[in-house]
Amino acid sequence: MPSPHVTAFLSFLLLVVVILVLLDKMPASHIESEDVLYFGYGSNLWKDQMSLRCPSSHHIGIGRLFGYRWMINDRGYANVVPSSDKGMHVYGLVYSLTPSDERALDRNEGVPYAYTKQMLSADFWASKEDDGSVDVTKGAEKKQMLVYIDRKRIEDYKPKEEYIHRINMGIKDGLKEGIPQEYFDQMLRRFIPVEGSKESEELSRRQASQFEDEK
């Protein structure tokens, strides 16, 4: 007859096996319980850039953040600043991020120097399964989303030359997903020309993959 120590050890091994079997059958949505919803409003509207920077991320819909205004700050990059006009809003693409994606995004966004992170309530429309565009005139859910905000540099400025291309690629993706044309015309086109410098596009592609702050 096995000793009490051996019996206890065998019981422990059996418990471990049962747990591993249950985890193997558990849906990924339950395993990745630490995933966070990220609100991308600047160059991360460009889905190819997000797939390069955060390879495990998934675009899942459109978000709308009220009480903020879209702008380019004196670093030359996108920011959102609080607005006294409560009807003012910012649209973004919403991504599901794993913890490793979030760490990679922190590095590319320059946390905590360039941006700080905040969880904010925003409207959410889920992407359609047939890859059609979202109708943002329909009712939205409220979701808590991770938003990167520069609280120090809040004065309007002009964009970095290479950034123009990345934002324009993001505008194309945003329109395809269902963000209204008038939003881009009224908010982003105040800062971003329709075409940028062709010479800067190579740098833009490098920055999309691995961002390095220009000095």
N, C-alpha and C. Protein backbone atom coordinates (compact mmCIF):
# COMPACT_ATOMS: atom_id res chain seq x y z
N MET A 1 0.86 -1.21 0.00
CA MET A 1 0.00 0.00 0.00
C MET A 1 0.89 1.24 0.00
N PRO A 2 0.65 2.21 -0.90
CA PRO A 2 1.51 3.40 -0.96
C PRO A 2 1.48 4.19 0.34
N SER A 3 2.61 4.83 0.61
CA SER A 3 2.68 5.66 1.81
C SER A 3 1.82 6.90 1.63
N PRO A 4 1.48 7.59 2.73
CA PRO A 4 0.68 8.83 2.62
C PRO A 4 1.35 9.87 1.74
N HIS A 5 2.69 9.96 1.78
CA HIS A 5 3.42 10.94 0.97
C HIS A 5 3.27 10.64 -0.52
N VAL A 6 3.39 9.35 -0.86
CA VAL A 6 3.24 8.96 -2.27
C VAL A 6 1.81 9.22 -2.74
N THR A 7 0.84 8.90 -1.91
CA THR A 7 -0.57 9.13 -2.27
C THR A 7 -0.83 10.62 -2.50
N ALA A 8 -0.30 11.45 -1.63
CA ALA A 8 -0.48 12.89 -1.77
C ALA A 8 0.16 13.41 -3.05
N PHE A 9 1.36 12.87 -3.37
CA PHE A 9 2.07 13.30 -4.58
C PHE A 9 1.30 12.89 -5.83
N LEU A 10 0.76 11.67 -5.84
CA LEU A 10 -0.01 11.20 -6.99
C LEU A 10 -1.29 12.01 -7.16
N SER A 11 -1.91 12.37 -6.05
CA SER A 11 -3.11 13.21 -6.11
C SER A 11 -2.79 14.58 -6.70
N PHE A 12 -1.63 15.11 -6.32
CA PHE A 12 -1.20 16.41 -6.84
C PHE A 12 -0.97 16.34 -8.35
N LEU A 13 -0.30 15.25 -8.81
CA LEU A 13 -0.06 15.08 -10.24
C LEU A 13 -1.37 14.97 -11.01
N LEU A 14 -2.32 14.24 -10.44
CA LEU A 14 -3.61 14.10 -11.09
C LEU A 14 -4.31 15.45 -11.22
N LEU A 15 -4.21 16.27 -10.17
CA LEU A 15 -4.82 17.60 -10.21
C LEU A 15 -4.18 18.46 -11.29
N VAL A 16 -2.86 18.39 -11.41
CA VAL A 16 -2.16 19.16 -12.44
C VAL A 16 -2.62 18.74 -13.83
N VAL A 17 -2.74 17.43 -14.05
CA VAL A 17 -3.18 16.92 -15.36
C VAL A 17 -4.59 17.42 -15.68
N VAL A 18 -5.48 17.39 -14.70
CA VAL A 18 -6.86 17.86 -14.92
C VAL A 18 -6.86 19.33 -15.28
N ILE A 19 -6.08 20.13 -14.58
CA ILE A 19 -6.02 21.58 -14.86
C ILE A 19 -5.50 21.83 -16.27
N LEU A 20 -4.45 21.11 -16.68
CA LEU A 20 -3.89 21.29 -18.02
C LEU A 20 -4.90 20.92 -19.10
N VAL A 21 -5.65 19.84 -18.87
CA VAL A 21 -6.68 19.43 -19.83
C VAL A 21 -7.76 20.50 -19.95
N LEU A 22 -8.18 21.06 -18.82
CA LEU A 22 -9.21 22.10 -18.84
C LEU A 22 -8.73 23.35 -19.55
N LEU A 23 -7.48 23.74 -19.31
CA LEU A 23 -6.93 24.92 -19.97
C LEU A 23 -6.84 24.72 -21.47
N ASP A 24 -6.49 23.49 -21.88
CA ASP A 24 -6.37 23.19 -23.30
C ASP A 24 -7.71 23.32 -24.01
N LYS A 25 -8.80 23.02 -23.29
CA LYS A 25 -10.13 23.09 -23.88
C LYS A 25 -10.78 24.45 -23.71
N MET A 26 -10.19 25.31 -22.90
CA MET A 26 -10.81 26.60 -22.62
C MET A 26 -10.64 27.54 -23.81
N PRO A 27 -11.68 28.28 -24.20
CA PRO A 27 -11.56 29.24 -25.29
C PRO A 27 -10.49 30.28 -25.00
N ALA A 28 -9.85 30.76 -26.09
CA ALA A 28 -8.76 31.75 -25.94
C ALA A 28 -9.25 33.00 -25.26
N SER A 29 -10.52 33.37 -25.46
CA SER A 29 -11.05 34.60 -24.85
C SER A 29 -11.01 34.53 -23.33
N HIS A 30 -11.09 33.30 -22.77
CA HIS A 30 -11.03 33.15 -21.32
C HIS A 30 -9.59 33.13 -20.84
N ILE A 31 -8.72 32.53 -21.65
CA ILE A 31 -7.31 32.46 -21.25
C ILE A 31 -6.69 33.85 -21.27
N GLU A 32 -7.01 34.62 -22.32
CA GLU A 32 -6.44 35.96 -22.46
C GLU A 32 -7.30 36.97 -21.70
N SER A 33 -7.53 36.71 -20.44
CA SER A 33 -8.42 37.55 -19.65
C SER A 33 -7.84 38.94 -19.40
N GLU A 34 -6.54 39.12 -19.64
CA GLU A 34 -5.91 40.40 -19.40
C GLU A 34 -5.90 41.28 -20.64
N ASP A 35 -6.50 40.81 -21.73
CA ASP A 35 -6.56 41.63 -22.93
C ASP A 35 -7.27 42.95 -22.63
N VAL A 36 -6.84 44.01 -23.32
CA VAL A 36 -7.41 45.33 -23.10
C VAL A 36 -7.86 45.90 -24.44
N LEU A 37 -8.90 46.72 -24.42
CA LEU A 37 -9.35 47.41 -25.62
C LEU A 37 -8.57 48.71 -25.77
N TYR A 38 -7.95 48.87 -26.92
CA TYR A 38 -7.11 50.05 -27.20
C TYR A 38 -7.76 50.92 -28.26
N PHE A 39 -7.80 52.22 -28.00
CA PHE A 39 -8.41 53.21 -28.90
C PHE A 39 -7.29 53.90 -29.68
N GLY A 40 -7.15 53.54 -30.96
CA GLY A 40 -6.11 54.14 -31.81
C GLY A 40 -6.67 55.26 -32.66
N TYR A 41 -6.20 56.49 -32.44
CA TYR A 41 -6.79 57.65 -33.12
C TYR A 41 -5.83 58.36 -34.05
N GLY A 42 -4.55 58.04 -33.99
CA GLY A 42 -3.55 58.71 -34.83
C GLY A 42 -3.07 57.78 -35.93
N SER A 43 -1.75 57.59 -36.01
CA SER A 43 -1.22 56.71 -37.07
C SER A 43 -1.60 55.26 -36.85
N ASN A 44 -2.07 54.90 -35.65
CA ASN A 44 -2.51 53.53 -35.43
C ASN A 44 -3.92 53.28 -35.98
N LEU A 45 -4.48 54.26 -36.67
CA LEU A 45 -5.61 53.99 -37.54
C LEU A 45 -5.15 53.11 -38.71
N TRP A 46 -3.87 53.17 -39.02
CA TRP A 46 -3.29 52.36 -40.10
C TRP A 46 -3.13 50.94 -39.59
N LYS A 47 -3.94 50.03 -40.08
CA LYS A 47 -3.98 48.68 -39.53
C LYS A 47 -2.69 47.91 -39.80
N ASP A 48 -2.03 48.18 -40.93
CA ASP A 48 -0.75 47.51 -41.18
C ASP A 48 0.30 47.90 -40.14
N GLN A 49 0.29 49.15 -39.73
CA GLN A 49 1.23 49.59 -38.69
C GLN A 49 0.97 48.84 -37.39
N MET A 50 -0.29 48.71 -37.03
CA MET A 50 -0.62 47.99 -35.79
C MET A 50 -0.22 46.53 -35.87
N SER A 51 -0.37 45.91 -37.03
CA SER A 51 0.00 44.50 -37.16
C SER A 51 1.51 44.32 -37.06
N LEU A 52 2.27 45.33 -37.48
CA LEU A 52 3.73 45.28 -37.35
C LEU A 52 4.17 45.49 -35.91
N ARG A 53 3.58 46.46 -35.26
CA ARG A 53 3.99 46.80 -33.89
C ARG A 53 3.43 45.84 -32.85
N CYS A 54 2.22 45.40 -33.07
CA CYS A 54 1.52 44.54 -32.10
C CYS A 54 0.95 43.34 -32.84
N PRO A 55 1.80 42.37 -33.15
CA PRO A 55 1.38 41.26 -34.03
C PRO A 55 0.26 40.39 -33.51
N SER A 56 0.01 40.40 -32.21
CA SER A 56 -1.09 39.58 -31.67
C SER A 56 -2.38 40.38 -31.53
N SER A 57 -2.35 41.66 -31.90
CA SER A 57 -3.54 42.50 -31.75
C SER A 57 -4.57 42.16 -32.81
N HIS A 58 -5.82 42.52 -32.52
CA HIS A 58 -6.92 42.30 -33.46
C HIS A 58 -7.78 43.56 -33.53
N HIS A 59 -8.03 44.00 -34.75
CA HIS A 59 -8.98 45.11 -34.92
C HIS A 59 -10.38 44.56 -34.71
N ILE A 60 -11.16 45.18 -33.80
CA ILE A 60 -12.47 44.63 -33.46
C ILE A 60 -13.61 45.61 -33.67
N GLY A 61 -13.31 46.87 -34.02
CA GLY A 61 -14.42 47.80 -34.22
C GLY A 61 -13.98 49.25 -34.26
N ILE A 62 -14.97 50.12 -34.09
CA ILE A 62 -14.76 51.58 -34.11
C ILE A 62 -15.14 52.14 -32.74
N GLY A 63 -14.40 53.14 -32.30
CA GLY A 63 -14.71 53.83 -31.06
C GLY A 63 -14.92 55.31 -31.29
N ARG A 64 -15.63 55.95 -30.36
CA ARG A 64 -15.84 57.41 -30.41
C ARG A 64 -15.72 57.96 -29.00
N LEU A 65 -14.79 58.89 -28.84
CA LEU A 65 -14.49 59.46 -27.53
C LEU A 65 -15.03 60.89 -27.48
N PHE A 66 -15.97 61.15 -26.60
CA PHE A 66 -16.56 62.49 -26.49
C PHE A 66 -15.77 63.35 -25.51
N GLY A 67 -15.85 64.69 -25.73
CA GLY A 67 -15.21 65.64 -24.84
C GLY A 67 -13.75 65.87 -25.12
N TYR A 68 -13.26 65.39 -26.29
CA TYR A 68 -11.86 65.58 -26.67
C TYR A 68 -11.79 66.07 -28.12
N ARG A 69 -10.69 66.74 -28.43
CA ARG A 69 -10.44 67.26 -29.78
C ARG A 69 -9.14 66.68 -30.32
N TRP A 70 -9.15 66.29 -31.60
CA TRP A 70 -7.96 65.76 -32.28
C TRP A 70 -7.05 66.91 -32.70
N MET A 71 -5.75 66.74 -32.51
CA MET A 71 -4.79 67.78 -32.90
C MET A 71 -3.42 67.17 -33.12
N ILE A 72 -2.53 67.98 -33.70
CA ILE A 72 -1.11 67.66 -33.79
C ILE A 72 -0.39 68.57 -32.81
N ASN A 73 0.42 67.97 -31.93
CA ASN A 73 1.12 68.80 -30.94
C ASN A 73 2.52 69.17 -31.40
N ASP A 74 3.28 69.83 -30.53
CA ASP A 74 4.57 70.37 -30.98
C ASP A 74 5.67 69.32 -31.11
N ARG A 75 5.37 68.07 -30.82
CA ARG A 75 6.27 66.97 -31.19
C ARG A 75 6.07 66.61 -32.66
N GLY A 76 4.93 67.03 -33.21
CA GLY A 76 4.62 66.71 -34.60
C GLY A 76 3.77 65.48 -34.77
N TYR A 77 3.15 65.03 -33.67
CA TYR A 77 2.35 63.81 -33.71
C TYR A 77 0.95 64.05 -33.13
N ALA A 78 0.06 63.08 -33.39
CA ALA A 78 -1.34 63.24 -32.99
C ALA A 78 -1.50 63.19 -31.47
N ASN A 79 -2.49 63.92 -31.02
CA ASN A 79 -2.84 63.95 -29.61
C ASN A 79 -4.34 64.24 -29.51
N VAL A 80 -4.93 63.95 -28.37
CA VAL A 80 -6.30 64.38 -28.10
C VAL A 80 -6.27 65.23 -26.83
N VAL A 81 -6.96 66.35 -26.88
CA VAL A 81 -6.97 67.27 -25.74
C VAL A 81 -8.41 67.50 -25.30
N PRO A 82 -8.63 67.68 -24.00
CA PRO A 82 -10.00 67.93 -23.51
C PRO A 82 -10.60 69.17 -24.16
N SER A 83 -11.89 69.11 -24.44
CA SER A 83 -12.59 70.22 -25.06
C SER A 83 -13.76 70.64 -24.18
N SER A 84 -13.98 71.95 -24.09
CA SER A 84 -15.12 72.46 -23.33
C SER A 84 -16.43 72.18 -24.06
N ASP A 85 -16.32 71.92 -25.37
CA ASP A 85 -17.48 71.56 -26.18
C ASP A 85 -17.71 70.06 -25.99
N LYS A 86 -18.69 69.70 -25.20
CA LYS A 86 -18.93 68.30 -24.88
C LYS A 86 -19.41 67.50 -26.08
N GLY A 87 -19.83 68.18 -27.14
CA GLY A 87 -20.21 67.49 -28.36
C GLY A 87 -19.01 67.14 -29.23
N MET A 88 -17.86 67.74 -28.91
CA MET A 88 -16.64 67.45 -29.66
C MET A 88 -16.26 65.99 -29.43
N HIS A 89 -15.80 65.34 -30.48
CA HIS A 89 -15.47 63.93 -30.33
C HIS A 89 -14.34 63.52 -31.26
N VAL A 90 -13.75 62.40 -30.94
CA VAL A 90 -12.65 61.80 -31.70
C VAL A 90 -13.04 60.37 -32.03
N TYR A 91 -12.88 59.99 -33.30
CA TYR A 91 -13.08 58.61 -33.69
C TYR A 91 -11.75 57.87 -33.68
N GLY A 92 -11.83 56.57 -33.47
CA GLY A 92 -10.63 55.74 -33.53
C GLY A 92 -10.99 54.32 -33.90
N LEU A 93 -9.99 53.55 -34.29
CA LEU A 93 -10.17 52.12 -34.47
C LEU A 93 -9.84 51.44 -33.15
N VAL A 94 -10.61 50.42 -32.82
CA VAL A 94 -10.44 49.73 -31.54
C VAL A 94 -9.78 48.38 -31.79
N TYR A 95 -8.75 48.12 -31.01
CA TYR A 95 -8.00 46.88 -31.11
C TYR A 95 -8.00 46.16 -29.76
N SER A 96 -7.96 44.85 -29.82
CA SER A 96 -7.77 44.03 -28.63
C SER A 96 -6.28 43.75 -28.49
N LEU A 97 -5.71 44.12 -27.33
CA LEU A 97 -4.27 43.97 -27.10
C LEU A 97 -4.00 42.94 -26.02
N THR A 98 -3.04 42.06 -26.28
CA THR A 98 -2.53 41.20 -25.22
C THR A 98 -1.55 42.02 -24.38
N PRO A 99 -1.17 41.53 -23.20
CA PRO A 99 -0.17 42.25 -22.40
C PRO A 99 1.13 42.51 -23.15
N SER A 100 1.58 41.55 -23.96
CA SER A 100 2.83 41.75 -24.71
C SER A 100 2.65 42.82 -25.78
N ASP A 101 1.46 42.86 -26.41
CA ASP A 101 1.17 43.92 -27.38
C ASP A 101 1.21 45.29 -26.70
N GLU A 102 0.61 45.36 -25.53
CA GLU A 102 0.57 46.64 -24.82
C GLU A 102 1.98 47.12 -24.47
N ARG A 103 2.84 46.20 -24.05
CA ARG A 103 4.22 46.59 -23.75
C ARG A 103 4.94 47.08 -25.00
N ALA A 104 4.71 46.41 -26.13
CA ALA A 104 5.32 46.84 -27.39
C ALA A 104 4.80 48.21 -27.80
N LEU A 105 3.50 48.44 -27.60
CA LEU A 105 2.92 49.72 -27.94
C LEU A 105 3.48 50.83 -27.04
N ASP A 106 3.67 50.53 -25.77
CA ASP A 106 4.26 51.51 -24.85
C ASP A 106 5.61 51.98 -25.36
N ARG A 107 6.43 51.03 -25.84
CA ARG A 107 7.76 51.39 -26.34
C ARG A 107 7.64 52.28 -27.57
N ASN A 108 6.76 51.93 -28.49
CA ASN A 108 6.62 52.71 -29.72
C ASN A 108 5.99 54.08 -29.47
N GLU A 109 5.14 54.18 -28.46
CA GLU A 109 4.48 55.46 -28.18
C GLU A 109 5.28 56.34 -27.22
N GLY A 110 6.38 55.83 -26.70
CA GLY A 110 7.23 56.66 -25.83
C GLY A 110 6.66 56.90 -24.45
N VAL A 111 5.97 55.91 -23.90
CA VAL A 111 5.46 56.01 -22.53
C VAL A 111 6.63 55.91 -21.54
N PRO A 112 6.73 56.78 -20.54
CA PRO A 112 5.76 57.82 -20.15
C PRO A 112 6.14 59.23 -20.62
N TYR A 113 7.22 59.36 -21.40
CA TYR A 113 7.67 60.70 -21.80
C TYR A 113 6.71 61.36 -22.79
N ALA A 114 6.43 60.67 -23.89
CA ALA A 114 5.63 61.27 -24.95
C ALA A 114 4.13 61.20 -24.66
N TYR A 115 3.71 60.07 -24.09
CA TYR A 115 2.30 59.88 -23.78
C TYR A 115 2.15 59.23 -22.41
N THR A 116 1.01 59.49 -21.78
CA THR A 116 0.60 58.73 -20.61
C THR A 116 -0.63 57.91 -20.99
N LYS A 117 -0.98 56.95 -20.17
CA LYS A 117 -2.06 56.03 -20.48
C LYS A 117 -3.24 56.24 -19.54
N GLN A 118 -4.44 56.15 -20.11
CA GLN A 118 -5.63 56.34 -19.30
C GLN A 118 -6.76 55.46 -19.84
N MET A 119 -7.55 54.90 -18.94
CA MET A 119 -8.74 54.16 -19.34
C MET A 119 -9.92 55.14 -19.35
N LEU A 120 -10.56 55.26 -20.51
CA LEU A 120 -11.66 56.20 -20.68
C LEU A 120 -12.87 55.46 -21.27
N SER A 121 -14.05 55.96 -20.94
CA SER A 121 -15.28 55.41 -21.49
C SER A 121 -15.52 55.97 -22.89
N ALA A 122 -15.83 55.10 -23.83
CA ALA A 122 -16.06 55.53 -25.21
C ALA A 122 -17.17 54.69 -25.83
N ASP A 123 -17.80 55.26 -26.86
CA ASP A 123 -18.77 54.50 -27.65
C ASP A 123 -18.04 53.42 -28.43
N PHE A 124 -18.70 52.30 -28.65
CA PHE A 124 -18.08 51.19 -29.37
C PHE A 124 -19.08 50.54 -30.31
N TRP A 125 -18.64 50.33 -31.56
CA TRP A 125 -19.37 49.55 -32.54
C TRP A 125 -18.49 48.39 -32.98
N ALA A 126 -18.96 47.19 -32.85
CA ALA A 126 -18.18 46.01 -33.24
C ALA A 126 -18.11 45.90 -34.76
N SER A 127 -16.98 45.42 -35.27
CA SER A 127 -16.83 45.18 -36.70
C SER A 127 -17.83 44.13 -37.16
N LYS A 128 -18.21 44.24 -38.42
CA LYS A 128 -19.14 43.26 -38.99
C LYS A 128 -18.38 42.01 -39.41
N GLU A 129 -19.03 40.87 -39.26
CA GLU A 129 -18.40 39.60 -39.60
C GLU A 129 -18.17 39.47 -41.10
N ASP A 130 -18.96 40.18 -41.92
CA ASP A 130 -18.81 40.08 -43.38
C ASP A 130 -17.81 41.09 -43.93
N ASP A 131 -17.05 41.72 -43.02
CA ASP A 131 -16.03 42.72 -43.40
C ASP A 131 -16.64 44.00 -43.98
N GLY A 132 -17.93 44.19 -43.83
CA GLY A 132 -18.54 45.44 -44.28
C GLY A 132 -18.25 46.56 -43.30
N SER A 133 -18.48 47.81 -43.72
CA SER A 133 -18.20 48.95 -42.87
C SER A 133 -19.26 49.07 -41.77
N VAL A 134 -18.85 49.65 -40.66
CA VAL A 134 -19.74 49.84 -39.51
C VAL A 134 -20.61 51.08 -39.75
N ASP A 135 -21.86 51.02 -39.34
CA ASP A 135 -22.76 52.17 -39.43
C ASP A 135 -22.78 52.86 -38.07
N VAL A 136 -22.06 53.99 -37.96
CA VAL A 136 -21.94 54.67 -36.68
C VAL A 136 -23.16 55.54 -36.36
N THR A 137 -24.18 55.51 -37.23
CA THR A 137 -25.43 56.19 -36.88
C THR A 137 -26.32 55.28 -36.03
N LYS A 138 -25.96 54.00 -35.95
CA LYS A 138 -26.71 53.06 -35.13
C LYS A 138 -26.26 53.18 -33.67
N GLY A 139 -27.02 52.58 -32.77
CA GLY A 139 -26.70 52.63 -31.36
C GLY A 139 -25.35 51.99 -31.05
N ALA A 140 -24.66 52.55 -30.06
CA ALA A 140 -23.34 52.07 -29.67
C ALA A 140 -23.35 51.56 -28.24
N GLU A 141 -22.42 50.67 -27.95
CA GLU A 141 -22.18 50.24 -26.58
C GLU A 141 -21.20 51.20 -25.91
N LYS A 142 -21.14 51.17 -24.59
CA LYS A 142 -20.13 51.90 -23.84
C LYS A 142 -19.07 50.90 -23.38
N LYS A 143 -17.80 51.22 -23.66
CA LYS A 143 -16.70 50.35 -23.26
C LYS A 143 -15.58 51.20 -22.65
N GLN A 144 -14.85 50.60 -21.72
CA GLN A 144 -13.64 51.22 -21.20
C GLN A 144 -12.49 50.90 -22.15
N MET A 145 -11.77 51.94 -22.58
CA MET A 145 -10.70 51.75 -23.56
C MET A 145 -9.42 52.44 -23.10
N LEU A 146 -8.31 51.84 -23.50
CA LEU A 146 -6.99 52.40 -23.22
C LEU A 146 -6.69 53.48 -24.25
N VAL A 147 -6.40 54.69 -23.76
CA VAL A 147 -6.12 55.83 -24.64
C VAL A 147 -4.77 56.42 -24.24
N TYR A 148 -3.92 56.68 -25.24
CA TYR A 148 -2.62 57.31 -25.01
C TYR A 148 -2.76 58.81 -25.24
N ILE A 149 -2.44 59.60 -24.22
CA ILE A 149 -2.65 61.05 -24.27
C ILE A 149 -1.39 61.77 -23.79
N ASP A 150 -1.03 62.83 -24.51
CA ASP A 150 0.06 63.71 -24.07
C ASP A 150 -0.57 64.88 -23.32
N ARG A 151 -0.43 64.90 -22.01
CA ARG A 151 -1.05 65.95 -21.19
C ARG A 151 -0.20 67.21 -21.11
N LYS A 152 1.05 67.15 -21.58
CA LYS A 152 1.95 68.30 -21.47
C LYS A 152 1.96 69.15 -22.74
N ARG A 153 1.99 68.51 -23.89
CA ARG A 153 2.11 69.25 -25.16
C ARG A 153 0.72 69.33 -25.79
N ILE A 154 0.08 70.45 -25.58
CA ILE A 154 -1.34 70.59 -25.96
C ILE A 154 -1.59 71.77 -26.90
N GLU A 155 -0.52 72.35 -27.45
CA GLU A 155 -0.67 73.45 -28.39
C GLU A 155 -0.64 72.90 -29.83
N ASP A 156 -1.50 73.45 -30.69
CA ASP A 156 -1.54 73.01 -32.09
C ASP A 156 -0.22 73.31 -32.78
N TYR A 157 0.20 72.35 -33.62
CA TYR A 157 1.44 72.52 -34.36
C TYR A 157 1.31 71.79 -35.69
N LYS A 158 2.41 71.69 -36.42
CA LYS A 158 2.39 71.00 -37.73
C LYS A 158 2.96 69.59 -37.59
N PRO A 159 2.56 68.67 -38.47
CA PRO A 159 3.02 67.29 -38.35
C PRO A 159 4.44 67.09 -38.89
N LYS A 160 5.12 66.08 -38.38
CA LYS A 160 6.37 65.62 -38.98
C LYS A 160 6.07 65.21 -40.42
N GLU A 161 7.02 65.45 -41.30
CA GLU A 161 6.79 65.15 -42.71
C GLU A 161 6.47 63.68 -42.95
N GLU A 162 7.24 62.79 -42.31
CA GLU A 162 7.00 61.35 -42.52
C GLU A 162 5.65 60.92 -41.94
N TYR A 163 5.16 61.64 -40.95
CA TYR A 163 3.92 61.28 -40.26
C TYR A 163 2.70 61.47 -41.16
N ILE A 164 2.81 62.39 -42.11
CA ILE A 164 1.69 62.67 -43.00
C ILE A 164 1.27 61.41 -43.76
N HIS A 165 2.24 60.67 -44.25
CA HIS A 165 1.93 59.44 -44.99
C HIS A 165 1.24 58.43 -44.09
N ARG A 166 1.73 58.27 -42.88
CA ARG A 166 1.14 57.28 -41.98
C ARG A 166 -0.30 57.64 -41.61
N ILE A 167 -0.54 58.93 -41.38
CA ILE A 167 -1.91 59.34 -41.07
C ILE A 167 -2.82 59.14 -42.28
N ASN A 168 -2.33 59.46 -43.47
CA ASN A 168 -3.15 59.27 -44.66
C ASN A 168 -3.48 57.80 -44.90
N MET A 169 -2.56 56.92 -44.60
CA MET A 169 -2.86 55.49 -44.70
C MET A 169 -3.91 55.11 -43.66
N GLY A 170 -3.82 55.72 -42.48
CA GLY A 170 -4.81 55.47 -41.44
C GLY A 170 -6.19 56.00 -41.81
N ILE A 171 -6.23 57.14 -42.47
CA ILE A 171 -7.50 57.69 -42.92
C ILE A 171 -8.17 56.73 -43.91
N LYS A 172 -7.38 56.16 -44.81
CA LYS A 172 -7.94 55.19 -45.77
C LYS A 172 -8.56 54.00 -45.04
N ASP A 173 -7.84 53.47 -44.05
CA ASP A 173 -8.37 52.33 -43.30
C ASP A 173 -9.59 52.73 -42.48
N GLY A 174 -9.53 53.92 -41.89
CA GLY A 174 -10.67 54.38 -41.09
C GLY A 174 -11.93 54.53 -41.93
N LEU A 175 -11.79 55.09 -43.12
CA LEU A 175 -12.95 55.24 -44.01
C LEU A 175 -13.51 53.87 -44.41
N LYS A 176 -12.61 52.94 -44.70
CA LYS A 176 -13.05 51.60 -45.10
C LYS A 176 -13.84 50.92 -43.98
N GLU A 177 -13.43 51.19 -42.74
CA GLU A 177 -14.10 50.54 -41.60
C GLU A 177 -15.40 51.22 -41.21
N GLY A 178 -15.59 52.48 -41.63
CA GLY A 178 -16.87 53.14 -41.35
C GLY A 178 -16.78 54.46 -40.61
N ILE A 179 -15.57 54.97 -40.34
CA ILE A 179 -15.46 56.30 -39.74
C ILE A 179 -15.91 57.33 -40.79
N PRO A 180 -16.78 58.27 -40.43
CA PRO A 180 -17.34 59.19 -41.43
C PRO A 180 -16.30 60.08 -42.10
N GLN A 181 -16.50 60.30 -43.40
CA GLN A 181 -15.62 61.17 -44.17
C GLN A 181 -15.58 62.58 -43.59
N GLU A 182 -16.74 63.08 -43.16
CA GLU A 182 -16.79 64.46 -42.65
C GLU A 182 -15.95 64.64 -41.39
N TYR A 183 -15.80 63.58 -40.62
CA TYR A 183 -14.93 63.65 -39.43
C TYR A 183 -13.49 63.94 -39.85
N PHE A 184 -13.00 63.18 -40.81
CA PHE A 184 -11.63 63.39 -41.27
C PHE A 184 -11.47 64.77 -41.92
N ASP A 185 -12.49 65.17 -42.70
CA ASP A 185 -12.41 66.47 -43.37
C ASP A 185 -12.37 67.62 -42.37
N GLN A 186 -13.17 67.53 -41.32
CA GLN A 186 -13.29 68.64 -40.37
C GLN A 186 -12.18 68.64 -39.31
N MET A 187 -11.68 67.48 -38.94
CA MET A 187 -10.72 67.41 -37.85
C MET A 187 -9.29 67.18 -38.31
N LEU A 188 -9.04 66.09 -39.03
CA LEU A 188 -7.67 65.74 -39.38
C LEU A 188 -7.11 66.60 -40.51
N ARG A 189 -7.97 66.97 -41.48
CA ARG A 189 -7.46 67.74 -42.62
C ARG A 189 -7.08 69.17 -42.24
N ARG A 190 -7.40 69.59 -41.05
CA ARG A 190 -6.91 70.89 -40.57
C ARG A 190 -5.40 70.84 -40.38
N PHE A 191 -4.86 69.65 -40.19
CA PHE A 191 -3.44 69.47 -39.92
C PHE A 191 -2.71 68.63 -40.98
N ILE A 192 -3.43 67.73 -41.61
CA ILE A 192 -2.80 66.73 -42.48
C ILE A 192 -3.18 66.98 -43.94
N PRO A 193 -2.21 67.32 -44.80
CA PRO A 193 -2.52 67.48 -46.23
C PRO A 193 -2.84 66.14 -46.87
N VAL A 194 -3.52 66.20 -48.01
CA VAL A 194 -3.90 64.98 -48.71
C VAL A 194 -2.68 64.20 -49.18
N GLU A 195 -1.63 64.90 -49.55
CA GLU A 195 -0.41 64.25 -49.99
C GLU A 195 0.78 64.81 -49.24
N GLY A 196 1.71 63.91 -48.91
CA GLY A 196 2.96 64.33 -48.28
C GLY A 196 4.12 64.21 -49.24
N SER A 197 5.31 64.34 -48.71
CA SER A 197 6.52 64.24 -49.51
C SER A 197 6.80 62.79 -49.87
N LYS A 198 7.01 62.50 -51.15
CA LYS A 198 7.36 61.15 -51.58
C LYS A 198 8.69 60.70 -50.97
N GLU A 199 9.59 61.67 -50.78
CA GLU A 199 10.90 61.34 -50.24
C GLU A 199 10.82 60.81 -48.81
N SER A 200 9.77 61.16 -48.10
CA SER A 200 9.67 60.76 -46.70
C SER A 200 8.97 59.42 -46.49
N GLU A 201 8.46 58.81 -47.57
CA GLU A 201 7.67 57.59 -47.41
C GLU A 201 8.50 56.41 -46.93
N GLU A 202 9.75 56.34 -47.34
CA GLU A 202 10.61 55.25 -46.86
C GLU A 202 10.81 55.34 -45.36
N LEU A 203 11.08 56.56 -44.87
CA LEU A 203 11.20 56.77 -43.42
C LEU A 203 9.88 56.44 -42.74
N SER A 204 8.78 56.81 -43.37
CA SER A 204 7.46 56.54 -42.80
C SER A 204 7.25 55.05 -42.61
N ARG A 205 7.65 54.24 -43.57
CA ARG A 205 7.48 52.79 -43.46
C ARG A 205 8.36 52.23 -42.35
N ARG A 206 9.57 52.78 -42.21
CA ARG A 206 10.45 52.32 -41.12
C ARG A 206 9.86 52.69 -39.77
N GLN A 207 9.32 53.89 -39.67
CA GLN A 207 8.72 54.34 -38.42
C GLN A 207 7.47 53.52 -38.07
N ALA A 208 6.76 53.08 -39.09
CA ALA A 208 5.58 52.25 -38.84
C ALA A 208 5.98 50.94 -38.19
N SER A 209 7.11 50.38 -38.60
CA SER A 209 7.56 49.10 -38.06
C SER A 209 8.17 49.24 -36.68
N GLN A 210 9.08 50.21 -36.54
CA GLN A 210 9.77 50.41 -35.26
C GLN A 210 10.04 51.89 -35.09
N PHE A 211 9.26 52.54 -34.27
CA PHE A 211 9.35 54.00 -34.15
C PHE A 211 10.61 54.45 -33.43
N GLU A 212 11.26 55.48 -34.00
CA GLU A 212 12.37 56.16 -33.34
C GLU A 212 12.08 57.65 -33.39
N ASP A 213 12.08 58.29 -32.23
CA ASP A 213 11.75 59.71 -32.17
C ASP A 213 12.79 60.52 -32.93
N GLU A 214 12.32 61.38 -33.82
CA GLU A 214 13.22 62.24 -34.57
C GLU A 214 13.72 63.37 -33.70
N LYS A 215 15.01 63.61 -33.74
CA LYS A 215 15.62 64.69 -32.93
C LYS A 215 15.63 65.99 -33.73
